[in-house]
């Protein structure tokens, strides 16, 4: 439950940052997708269901704020969170490579699904232009910012879920002697 609450708070902070500060810090007319980062981190660190929860909440925030149709972004972010949640089984706490790979995969999934649902279904077929002008610059920017967000999320996770000491029974055998 602590993980869901902490992710919800990070979603609110991430949404505010994405819609205010990072809009003014655009590079090549794109800004980092903080909500994809948080969805990928939730899936990687906590599993499929927390990734799904985070994706649904992130998508809901985006849909309610910017979309005329509620559900498109919920679907995109939920797919990202659930698929990336599979990587939780191979997640090692001190590894930075897997989170970078999952953030990259999440942003690529986001770009592909967004293109399909928002452009391709409307007959706009400029895929290479969309990749060159939107997906790749956003991907690079998102991954760079994602490294710092992941380190922050891991710090919060260590505070909320400190490692538990496991008694292997070695101490009790030494005391008996």
N, C-alpha and C. Protein backbone atom coordinates (compact mmCIF):
# COMPACT_ATOMS: atom_id res chain seq x y z
N UNK A 1 0.82 -1.20 0.00
CA UNK A 1 0.00 0.00 0.00
C UNK A 1 0.87 1.26 0.00
N UNK A 2 1.99 1.20 0.73
CA UNK A 2 2.89 2.36 0.75
C UNK A 2 3.40 2.67 -0.65
N UNK A 3 3.65 1.61 -1.45
CA UNK A 3 4.15 1.82 -2.80
C UNK A 3 3.12 2.55 -3.66
N UNK A 4 1.85 2.20 -3.52
CA UNK A 4 0.81 2.86 -4.30
C UNK A 4 0.67 4.33 -3.90
N UNK A 5 0.72 4.57 -2.60
CA UNK A 5 0.58 5.96 -2.13
C UNK A 5 1.78 6.79 -2.57
N UNK A 6 2.98 6.25 -2.43
CA UNK A 6 4.16 7.01 -2.84
C UNK A 6 4.16 7.24 -4.34
N UNK A 7 3.72 6.26 -5.14
CA UNK A 7 3.65 6.46 -6.58
C UNK A 7 2.59 7.50 -6.93
N UNK A 8 1.46 7.50 -6.22
CA UNK A 8 0.42 8.49 -6.48
C UNK A 8 0.93 9.90 -6.22
N UNK A 9 1.67 10.06 -5.13
CA UNK A 9 2.24 11.38 -4.83
C UNK A 9 3.27 11.77 -5.90
N UNK A 10 4.10 10.80 -6.31
CA UNK A 10 5.09 11.10 -7.37
C UNK A 10 4.39 11.41 -8.69
N UNK A 11 3.25 10.78 -8.96
CA UNK A 11 2.49 11.08 -10.17
C UNK A 11 2.00 12.52 -10.15
N UNK A 12 1.46 12.94 -9.03
CA UNK A 12 0.97 14.32 -8.92
C UNK A 12 2.11 15.31 -9.13
N UNK A 13 3.23 15.07 -8.45
CA UNK A 13 4.39 15.97 -8.60
C UNK A 13 4.91 15.92 -10.04
N UNK A 14 5.01 14.71 -10.60
CA UNK A 14 5.48 14.56 -11.98
C UNK A 14 4.56 15.23 -12.97
N UNK A 15 3.26 15.11 -12.76
CA UNK A 15 2.29 15.76 -13.66
C UNK A 15 2.43 17.27 -13.62
N UNK A 16 2.56 17.81 -12.41
CA UNK A 16 2.73 19.26 -12.28
C UNK A 16 4.03 19.71 -12.95
N UNK A 17 5.12 18.97 -12.73
CA UNK A 17 6.39 19.32 -13.36
C UNK A 17 6.31 19.21 -14.88
N UNK A 18 5.67 18.16 -15.37
CA UNK A 18 5.58 17.95 -16.82
C UNK A 18 4.74 19.03 -17.49
N UNK A 19 3.69 19.47 -16.82
CA UNK A 19 2.79 20.44 -17.44
C UNK A 19 3.19 21.89 -17.19
N UNK A 20 4.17 22.12 -16.33
CA UNK A 20 4.57 23.50 -16.06
C UNK A 20 6.04 23.74 -16.42
N UNK A 21 6.93 23.27 -15.59
CA UNK A 21 8.35 23.57 -15.75
C UNK A 21 8.93 22.99 -17.03
N UNK A 22 8.67 21.70 -17.28
CA UNK A 22 9.29 21.06 -18.44
C UNK A 22 8.68 21.52 -19.76
N UNK A 23 7.49 22.12 -19.74
CA UNK A 23 6.94 22.72 -20.96
C UNK A 23 7.79 23.91 -21.39
N UNK A 24 8.32 24.64 -20.41
CA UNK A 24 9.14 25.80 -20.74
C UNK A 24 10.60 25.42 -21.00
N UNK A 25 10.99 24.18 -20.68
CA UNK A 25 12.35 23.70 -20.91
C UNK A 25 12.42 22.77 -22.12
N UNK A 26 11.64 23.06 -23.14
CA UNK A 26 11.62 22.21 -24.32
C UNK A 26 12.92 22.30 -25.09
N UNK A 27 13.35 21.17 -25.61
CA UNK A 27 14.51 21.09 -26.50
C UNK A 27 14.02 20.45 -27.78
N UNK A 28 14.29 21.07 -28.92
CA UNK A 28 13.83 20.60 -30.23
C UNK A 28 12.31 20.43 -30.24
N UNK A 29 11.62 21.34 -29.59
CA UNK A 29 10.16 21.35 -29.51
C UNK A 29 9.55 20.13 -28.82
N UNK A 30 10.32 19.45 -27.99
CA UNK A 30 9.78 18.33 -27.20
C UNK A 30 10.20 18.51 -25.75
N UNK A 31 9.40 17.95 -24.88
CA UNK A 31 9.74 17.95 -23.46
C UNK A 31 9.75 16.50 -22.99
N UNK A 32 10.44 16.22 -21.89
CA UNK A 32 10.49 14.82 -21.42
C UNK A 32 9.12 14.38 -20.91
N UNK A 33 8.85 13.12 -21.08
CA UNK A 33 7.58 12.57 -20.63
C UNK A 33 7.77 11.96 -19.24
N UNK A 34 7.58 12.78 -18.23
CA UNK A 34 7.80 12.37 -16.85
C UNK A 34 6.85 11.24 -16.45
N UNK A 35 5.63 11.26 -16.98
CA UNK A 35 4.67 10.24 -16.61
C UNK A 35 5.02 8.87 -17.19
N UNK A 36 5.63 8.84 -18.36
CA UNK A 36 6.15 7.57 -18.89
C UNK A 36 7.28 7.07 -18.00
N UNK A 37 8.13 7.98 -17.56
CA UNK A 37 9.23 7.60 -16.66
C UNK A 37 8.67 6.97 -15.39
N UNK A 38 7.69 7.62 -14.78
CA UNK A 38 7.12 7.11 -13.53
C UNK A 38 6.41 5.77 -13.74
N UNK A 39 5.73 5.63 -14.87
CA UNK A 39 5.05 4.37 -15.18
C UNK A 39 6.07 3.25 -15.36
N UNK A 40 7.15 3.54 -16.07
CA UNK A 40 8.20 2.53 -16.27
C UNK A 40 8.88 2.18 -14.95
N UNK A 41 9.14 3.17 -14.13
CA UNK A 41 9.77 2.92 -12.83
C UNK A 41 8.86 2.08 -11.94
N UNK A 42 7.58 2.40 -11.92
CA UNK A 42 6.63 1.64 -11.10
C UNK A 42 6.58 0.19 -11.55
N UNK A 43 6.53 -0.04 -12.85
CA UNK A 43 6.51 -1.40 -13.35
C UNK A 43 7.79 -2.15 -13.05
N UNK A 44 8.91 -1.48 -13.21
CA UNK A 44 10.20 -2.11 -12.99
C UNK A 44 10.43 -2.43 -11.51
N UNK A 45 10.15 -1.48 -10.65
CA UNK A 45 10.46 -1.65 -9.23
C UNK A 45 9.41 -2.48 -8.49
N UNK A 46 8.14 -2.34 -8.85
CA UNK A 46 7.08 -2.93 -8.03
C UNK A 46 6.24 -4.00 -8.74
N UNK A 47 6.37 -4.15 -10.04
CA UNK A 47 5.64 -5.21 -10.73
C UNK A 47 4.52 -4.71 -11.62
N UNK A 48 3.83 -5.68 -12.23
CA UNK A 48 2.82 -5.38 -13.23
C UNK A 48 1.64 -4.59 -12.69
N UNK A 49 1.15 -4.95 -11.53
CA UNK A 49 -0.07 -4.31 -11.05
C UNK A 49 0.18 -2.87 -10.59
N UNK A 50 1.31 -2.63 -9.98
CA UNK A 50 1.65 -1.25 -9.62
C UNK A 50 1.93 -0.44 -10.88
N UNK A 51 2.58 -1.07 -11.87
CA UNK A 51 2.79 -0.39 -13.15
C UNK A 51 1.48 -0.07 -13.84
N UNK A 52 0.54 -1.02 -13.78
CA UNK A 52 -0.78 -0.80 -14.37
C UNK A 52 -1.51 0.32 -13.64
N UNK A 53 -1.49 0.31 -12.31
CA UNK A 53 -2.11 1.36 -11.52
C UNK A 53 -1.52 2.73 -11.88
N UNK A 54 -0.21 2.79 -11.91
CA UNK A 54 0.46 4.06 -12.22
C UNK A 54 0.10 4.51 -13.63
N UNK A 55 0.07 3.58 -14.58
CA UNK A 55 -0.29 3.92 -15.95
C UNK A 55 -1.70 4.44 -16.07
N UNK A 56 -2.64 3.80 -15.38
CA UNK A 56 -4.03 4.25 -15.44
C UNK A 56 -4.17 5.65 -14.85
N UNK A 57 -3.55 5.90 -13.72
CA UNK A 57 -3.65 7.22 -13.09
C UNK A 57 -2.97 8.29 -13.96
N UNK A 58 -1.78 7.99 -14.48
CA UNK A 58 -1.10 8.95 -15.36
C UNK A 58 -1.93 9.25 -16.60
N UNK A 59 -2.45 8.19 -17.23
CA UNK A 59 -3.28 8.39 -18.41
C UNK A 59 -4.55 9.17 -18.11
N UNK A 60 -5.14 8.90 -16.95
CA UNK A 60 -6.34 9.63 -16.55
C UNK A 60 -6.05 11.11 -16.38
N UNK A 61 -4.95 11.45 -15.74
CA UNK A 61 -4.59 12.85 -15.57
C UNK A 61 -4.43 13.54 -16.92
N UNK A 62 -3.71 12.89 -17.85
CA UNK A 62 -3.49 13.49 -19.17
C UNK A 62 -4.81 13.61 -19.93
N UNK A 63 -5.63 12.55 -19.89
CA UNK A 63 -6.90 12.59 -20.60
C UNK A 63 -7.83 13.68 -20.06
N UNK A 64 -7.91 13.78 -18.74
CA UNK A 64 -8.80 14.78 -18.16
C UNK A 64 -8.33 16.20 -18.42
N UNK A 65 -7.04 16.38 -18.53
CA UNK A 65 -6.50 17.73 -18.71
C UNK A 65 -6.44 18.16 -20.18
N UNK A 66 -6.07 17.25 -21.06
CA UNK A 66 -5.76 17.67 -22.43
C UNK A 66 -6.57 17.01 -23.53
N UNK A 67 -7.24 15.92 -23.26
CA UNK A 67 -7.87 15.16 -24.33
C UNK A 67 -9.36 15.40 -24.38
N UNK A 68 -9.91 15.34 -25.58
CA UNK A 68 -11.36 15.46 -25.72
C UNK A 68 -12.04 14.10 -25.52
N UNK A 69 -11.25 13.02 -25.63
CA UNK A 69 -11.77 11.67 -25.44
C UNK A 69 -11.01 11.04 -24.27
N UNK A 70 -11.74 10.65 -23.24
CA UNK A 70 -11.11 10.01 -22.09
C UNK A 70 -10.94 8.53 -22.38
N UNK A 71 -9.70 8.05 -22.22
CA UNK A 71 -9.45 6.64 -22.39
C UNK A 71 -8.25 6.32 -23.26
N UNK A 72 -7.92 7.18 -24.20
CA UNK A 72 -6.81 6.90 -25.11
C UNK A 72 -5.49 6.86 -24.34
N UNK A 73 -5.22 7.89 -23.57
CA UNK A 73 -3.98 7.92 -22.80
C UNK A 73 -4.00 6.93 -21.65
N UNK A 74 -5.17 6.67 -21.10
CA UNK A 74 -5.27 5.64 -20.06
C UNK A 74 -4.81 4.31 -20.64
N UNK A 75 -5.30 3.99 -21.84
CA UNK A 75 -4.91 2.74 -22.50
C UNK A 75 -3.41 2.69 -22.76
N UNK A 76 -2.85 3.77 -23.31
CA UNK A 76 -1.43 3.80 -23.65
C UNK A 76 -0.56 3.60 -22.41
N UNK A 77 -0.82 4.38 -21.38
CA UNK A 77 -0.01 4.30 -20.17
C UNK A 77 -0.21 2.97 -19.44
N UNK A 78 -1.44 2.45 -19.44
CA UNK A 78 -1.70 1.17 -18.79
C UNK A 78 -0.95 0.04 -19.48
N UNK A 79 -0.91 0.07 -20.81
CA UNK A 79 -0.15 -0.94 -21.56
C UNK A 79 1.33 -0.85 -21.21
N UNK A 80 1.84 0.36 -21.16
CA UNK A 80 3.26 0.56 -20.82
C UNK A 80 3.55 -0.01 -19.42
N UNK A 81 2.75 0.36 -18.44
CA UNK A 81 2.98 -0.09 -17.07
C UNK A 81 2.88 -1.59 -16.92
N UNK A 82 1.89 -2.20 -17.59
CA UNK A 82 1.71 -3.64 -17.45
C UNK A 82 2.82 -4.42 -18.15
N UNK A 83 3.17 -4.00 -19.36
CA UNK A 83 4.22 -4.71 -20.10
C UNK A 83 5.57 -4.56 -19.39
N UNK A 84 5.89 -3.36 -18.97
CA UNK A 84 7.18 -3.15 -18.31
C UNK A 84 7.22 -3.81 -16.94
N UNK A 85 6.06 -4.02 -16.33
CA UNK A 85 6.00 -4.71 -15.05
C UNK A 85 6.55 -6.12 -15.09
N UNK A 86 6.61 -6.70 -16.26
CA UNK A 86 7.19 -8.05 -16.41
C UNK A 86 8.67 -8.03 -16.01
N UNK A 87 9.34 -6.92 -16.23
CA UNK A 87 10.78 -6.83 -15.93
C UNK A 87 11.07 -6.83 -14.44
N UNK A 88 10.04 -6.70 -13.61
CA UNK A 88 10.25 -6.70 -12.16
C UNK A 88 10.91 -7.98 -11.68
N UNK A 89 10.69 -9.06 -12.38
CA UNK A 89 11.27 -10.34 -11.98
C UNK A 89 12.78 -10.37 -12.11
N UNK A 90 13.35 -9.51 -12.97
CA UNK A 90 14.80 -9.48 -13.16
C UNK A 90 15.42 -8.19 -12.62
N UNK A 91 14.62 -7.40 -11.90
CA UNK A 91 15.09 -6.12 -11.38
C UNK A 91 16.07 -6.35 -10.22
N UNK A 92 17.22 -5.72 -10.32
CA UNK A 92 18.22 -5.70 -9.26
C UNK A 92 18.33 -4.26 -8.79
N UNK A 93 18.27 -4.06 -7.50
CA UNK A 93 18.14 -2.72 -6.94
C UNK A 93 19.24 -1.76 -7.37
N UNK A 94 20.46 -2.21 -7.45
CA UNK A 94 21.57 -1.31 -7.76
C UNK A 94 21.87 -1.19 -9.25
N UNK A 95 21.10 -1.84 -10.09
CA UNK A 95 21.32 -1.82 -11.53
C UNK A 95 20.62 -0.62 -12.15
N UNK A 96 21.32 0.17 -12.92
CA UNK A 96 20.73 1.33 -13.59
C UNK A 96 20.39 1.01 -15.04
N UNK A 97 20.98 -0.05 -15.59
CA UNK A 97 20.78 -0.38 -17.00
C UNK A 97 19.34 -0.80 -17.27
N UNK A 98 18.77 -1.68 -16.45
CA UNK A 98 17.40 -2.13 -16.67
C UNK A 98 16.40 -0.97 -16.61
N UNK A 99 16.46 -0.08 -15.64
CA UNK A 99 15.53 1.05 -15.66
C UNK A 99 15.70 1.94 -16.89
N UNK A 100 16.93 2.13 -17.34
CA UNK A 100 17.13 2.92 -18.56
C UNK A 100 16.49 2.21 -19.75
N UNK A 101 16.66 0.90 -19.82
CA UNK A 101 16.05 0.13 -20.91
C UNK A 101 14.53 0.17 -20.84
N UNK A 102 13.96 0.10 -19.63
CA UNK A 102 12.51 0.11 -19.52
C UNK A 102 11.93 1.50 -19.80
N UNK A 103 12.64 2.55 -19.41
CA UNK A 103 12.19 3.90 -19.74
C UNK A 103 12.25 4.10 -21.25
N UNK A 104 13.31 3.60 -21.88
CA UNK A 104 13.42 3.68 -23.34
C UNK A 104 12.28 2.91 -24.00
N UNK A 105 12.05 1.69 -23.54
CA UNK A 105 10.96 0.88 -24.11
C UNK A 105 9.61 1.55 -23.89
N UNK A 106 9.40 2.11 -22.70
CA UNK A 106 8.15 2.78 -22.40
C UNK A 106 7.91 3.97 -23.30
N UNK A 107 8.94 4.76 -23.55
CA UNK A 107 8.78 5.92 -24.42
C UNK A 107 8.56 5.50 -25.87
N UNK A 108 9.22 4.43 -26.30
CA UNK A 108 9.00 3.92 -27.66
C UNK A 108 7.57 3.37 -27.81
N UNK A 109 7.10 2.65 -26.79
CA UNK A 109 5.72 2.15 -26.83
C UNK A 109 4.75 3.32 -26.85
N UNK A 110 5.02 4.32 -26.04
CA UNK A 110 4.16 5.51 -26.01
C UNK A 110 4.12 6.17 -27.38
N UNK A 111 5.30 6.39 -27.97
CA UNK A 111 5.35 7.04 -29.28
C UNK A 111 4.63 6.24 -30.34
N UNK A 112 4.82 4.91 -30.34
CA UNK A 112 4.18 4.06 -31.35
C UNK A 112 2.66 4.04 -31.17
N UNK A 113 2.19 3.83 -29.94
CA UNK A 113 0.75 3.78 -29.71
C UNK A 113 0.11 5.14 -29.94
N UNK A 114 0.77 6.21 -29.54
CA UNK A 114 0.24 7.54 -29.76
C UNK A 114 0.11 7.82 -31.25
N UNK A 115 1.13 7.43 -32.02
CA UNK A 115 1.07 7.62 -33.47
C UNK A 115 -0.09 6.83 -34.07
N UNK A 116 -0.20 5.58 -33.67
CA UNK A 116 -1.27 4.73 -34.23
C UNK A 116 -2.64 5.27 -33.88
N UNK A 117 -2.85 5.62 -32.61
CA UNK A 117 -4.18 6.03 -32.17
C UNK A 117 -4.54 7.46 -32.54
N UNK A 118 -3.57 8.34 -32.65
CA UNK A 118 -3.87 9.74 -32.93
C UNK A 118 -3.66 10.16 -34.39
N UNK A 119 -2.74 9.48 -35.09
CA UNK A 119 -2.43 9.91 -36.45
C UNK A 119 -2.80 8.87 -37.50
N UNK A 120 -2.35 7.65 -37.34
CA UNK A 120 -2.55 6.62 -38.35
C UNK A 120 -4.02 6.34 -38.59
N UNK A 121 -4.81 6.27 -37.54
CA UNK A 121 -6.24 6.01 -37.69
C UNK A 121 -6.98 7.17 -38.36
N UNK A 122 -6.35 8.31 -38.43
CA UNK A 122 -6.94 9.48 -39.11
C UNK A 122 -6.38 9.66 -40.51
N UNK A 123 -5.56 8.72 -40.95
CA UNK A 123 -5.03 8.76 -42.31
C UNK A 123 -3.76 9.56 -42.49
N UNK A 124 -3.15 9.99 -41.41
CA UNK A 124 -1.88 10.73 -41.51
C UNK A 124 -0.75 9.71 -41.47
N UNK A 125 0.00 9.62 -42.56
CA UNK A 125 0.98 8.55 -42.70
C UNK A 125 2.43 9.03 -42.66
N UNK A 126 2.71 10.15 -42.09
CA UNK A 126 4.07 10.70 -42.03
C UNK A 126 4.86 10.05 -40.89
N UNK A 127 5.05 8.75 -40.95
CA UNK A 127 5.69 8.01 -39.85
C UNK A 127 7.15 8.42 -39.67
N UNK A 128 7.92 8.45 -40.75
CA UNK A 128 9.34 8.79 -40.63
C UNK A 128 9.54 10.21 -40.10
N UNK A 129 8.70 11.11 -40.54
CA UNK A 129 8.78 12.48 -40.04
C UNK A 129 8.44 12.54 -38.55
N UNK A 130 7.44 11.76 -38.13
CA UNK A 130 7.05 11.72 -36.72
C UNK A 130 8.17 11.11 -35.87
N UNK A 131 8.79 10.07 -36.38
CA UNK A 131 9.90 9.45 -35.64
C UNK A 131 11.06 10.44 -35.50
N UNK A 132 11.43 11.08 -36.60
CA UNK A 132 12.58 12.00 -36.61
C UNK A 132 12.33 13.26 -35.78
N UNK A 133 11.14 13.81 -35.87
CA UNK A 133 10.88 15.10 -35.22
C UNK A 133 10.30 15.00 -33.82
N UNK A 134 9.71 13.87 -33.48
CA UNK A 134 9.05 13.77 -32.17
C UNK A 134 9.58 12.63 -31.32
N UNK A 135 9.51 11.41 -31.84
CA UNK A 135 9.83 10.25 -31.01
C UNK A 135 11.29 10.25 -30.56
N UNK A 136 12.23 10.40 -31.48
CA UNK A 136 13.65 10.33 -31.10
C UNK A 136 14.09 11.47 -30.18
N UNK A 137 13.76 12.74 -30.48
CA UNK A 137 14.16 13.79 -29.52
C UNK A 137 13.54 13.61 -28.14
N UNK A 138 12.26 13.22 -28.11
CA UNK A 138 11.61 13.00 -26.81
C UNK A 138 12.23 11.82 -26.08
N UNK A 139 12.58 10.79 -26.82
CA UNK A 139 13.21 9.60 -26.23
C UNK A 139 14.52 9.96 -25.54
N UNK A 140 15.36 10.70 -26.23
CA UNK A 140 16.66 11.08 -25.66
C UNK A 140 16.47 11.94 -24.41
N UNK A 141 15.60 12.93 -24.51
CA UNK A 141 15.35 13.83 -23.39
C UNK A 141 14.73 13.07 -22.21
N UNK A 142 13.80 12.17 -22.49
CA UNK A 142 13.13 11.41 -21.44
C UNK A 142 14.10 10.47 -20.73
N UNK A 143 14.97 9.81 -21.48
CA UNK A 143 15.93 8.88 -20.86
C UNK A 143 16.91 9.64 -19.97
N UNK A 144 17.39 10.78 -20.42
CA UNK A 144 18.33 11.56 -19.60
C UNK A 144 17.68 12.00 -18.29
N UNK A 145 16.48 12.54 -18.37
CA UNK A 145 15.76 12.96 -17.16
C UNK A 145 15.37 11.73 -16.33
N UNK A 146 15.07 10.62 -17.01
CA UNK A 146 14.66 9.40 -16.34
C UNK A 146 15.69 8.83 -15.41
N UNK A 147 16.97 9.00 -15.73
CA UNK A 147 18.03 8.52 -14.85
C UNK A 147 17.94 9.20 -13.49
N UNK A 148 17.73 10.50 -13.49
CA UNK A 148 17.64 11.25 -12.24
C UNK A 148 16.34 10.93 -11.49
N UNK A 149 15.25 10.80 -12.22
CA UNK A 149 13.98 10.46 -11.58
C UNK A 149 14.06 9.07 -10.96
N UNK A 150 14.71 8.12 -11.65
CA UNK A 150 14.86 6.78 -11.10
C UNK A 150 15.68 6.79 -9.82
N UNK A 151 16.77 7.53 -9.80
CA UNK A 151 17.59 7.60 -8.59
C UNK A 151 16.78 8.19 -7.43
N UNK A 152 15.97 9.19 -7.71
CA UNK A 152 15.11 9.77 -6.68
C UNK A 152 14.06 8.77 -6.21
N UNK A 153 13.44 8.05 -7.14
CA UNK A 153 12.42 7.05 -6.78
C UNK A 153 13.03 5.91 -5.97
N UNK A 154 14.25 5.52 -6.33
CA UNK A 154 14.92 4.46 -5.57
C UNK A 154 15.25 4.93 -4.16
N UNK A 155 15.64 6.19 -4.00
CA UNK A 155 15.90 6.76 -2.69
C UNK A 155 14.63 6.74 -1.83
N UNK A 156 13.52 7.13 -2.41
CA UNK A 156 12.24 7.09 -1.69
C UNK A 156 11.88 5.66 -1.33
N UNK A 157 12.11 4.72 -2.26
CA UNK A 157 11.80 3.32 -2.00
C UNK A 157 12.63 2.77 -0.85
N UNK A 158 13.90 3.16 -0.77
CA UNK A 158 14.75 2.70 0.33
C UNK A 158 14.27 3.24 1.67
N UNK A 159 13.73 4.47 1.67
CA UNK A 159 13.20 5.05 2.91
C UNK A 159 11.90 4.37 3.33
N UNK A 160 11.04 4.08 2.36
CA UNK A 160 9.75 3.47 2.68
C UNK A 160 9.85 1.98 2.94
N UNK A 161 10.75 1.31 2.25
CA UNK A 161 10.89 -0.15 2.37
C UNK A 161 12.33 -0.50 2.72
N UNK A 162 12.75 -0.25 3.96
CA UNK A 162 14.13 -0.58 4.32
C UNK A 162 14.35 -2.09 4.24
N UNK A 163 15.57 -2.51 3.92
CA UNK A 163 15.83 -3.95 3.83
C UNK A 163 15.62 -4.62 5.18
N UNK A 164 15.01 -5.79 5.12
CA UNK A 164 14.74 -6.54 6.35
C UNK A 164 15.92 -7.46 6.63
N UNK A 165 16.28 -7.53 7.90
CA UNK A 165 17.38 -8.38 8.30
C UNK A 165 16.87 -9.81 8.42
N UNK A 166 17.56 -10.72 7.76
CA UNK A 166 17.16 -12.12 7.75
C UNK A 166 18.06 -12.89 8.69
N UNK A 167 17.46 -13.62 9.62
CA UNK A 167 18.22 -14.42 10.55
C UNK A 167 18.45 -15.80 9.94
N UNK A 168 19.68 -16.15 9.70
CA UNK A 168 20.01 -17.43 9.10
C UNK A 168 20.29 -18.51 10.14
N UNK A 169 20.19 -18.18 11.39
CA UNK A 169 20.39 -19.14 12.44
C UNK A 169 21.85 -19.35 12.81
N UNK A 170 22.75 -18.62 12.20
CA UNK A 170 24.18 -18.78 12.46
C UNK A 170 24.52 -18.24 13.85
N UNK A 171 23.91 -17.14 14.22
CA UNK A 171 24.21 -16.53 15.50
C UNK A 171 23.79 -17.42 16.67
N UNK A 172 22.67 -18.09 16.54
CA UNK A 172 22.20 -18.93 17.64
C UNK A 172 23.10 -20.15 17.83
N UNK A 173 23.68 -20.68 16.75
CA UNK A 173 24.61 -21.81 16.88
C UNK A 173 25.89 -21.37 17.55
N UNK A 174 26.34 -20.14 17.29
CA UNK A 174 27.57 -19.64 17.91
C UNK A 174 27.38 -19.41 19.40
N UNK A 175 26.17 -18.98 19.80
CA UNK A 175 25.90 -18.71 21.20
C UNK A 175 25.82 -20.02 22.00
N UNK A 176 25.37 -21.10 21.36
CA UNK A 176 25.25 -22.38 22.04
C UNK A 176 26.61 -22.98 22.40
N UNK A 177 27.64 -22.66 21.63
CA UNK A 177 28.99 -23.23 21.86
C UNK A 177 29.66 -22.60 23.01
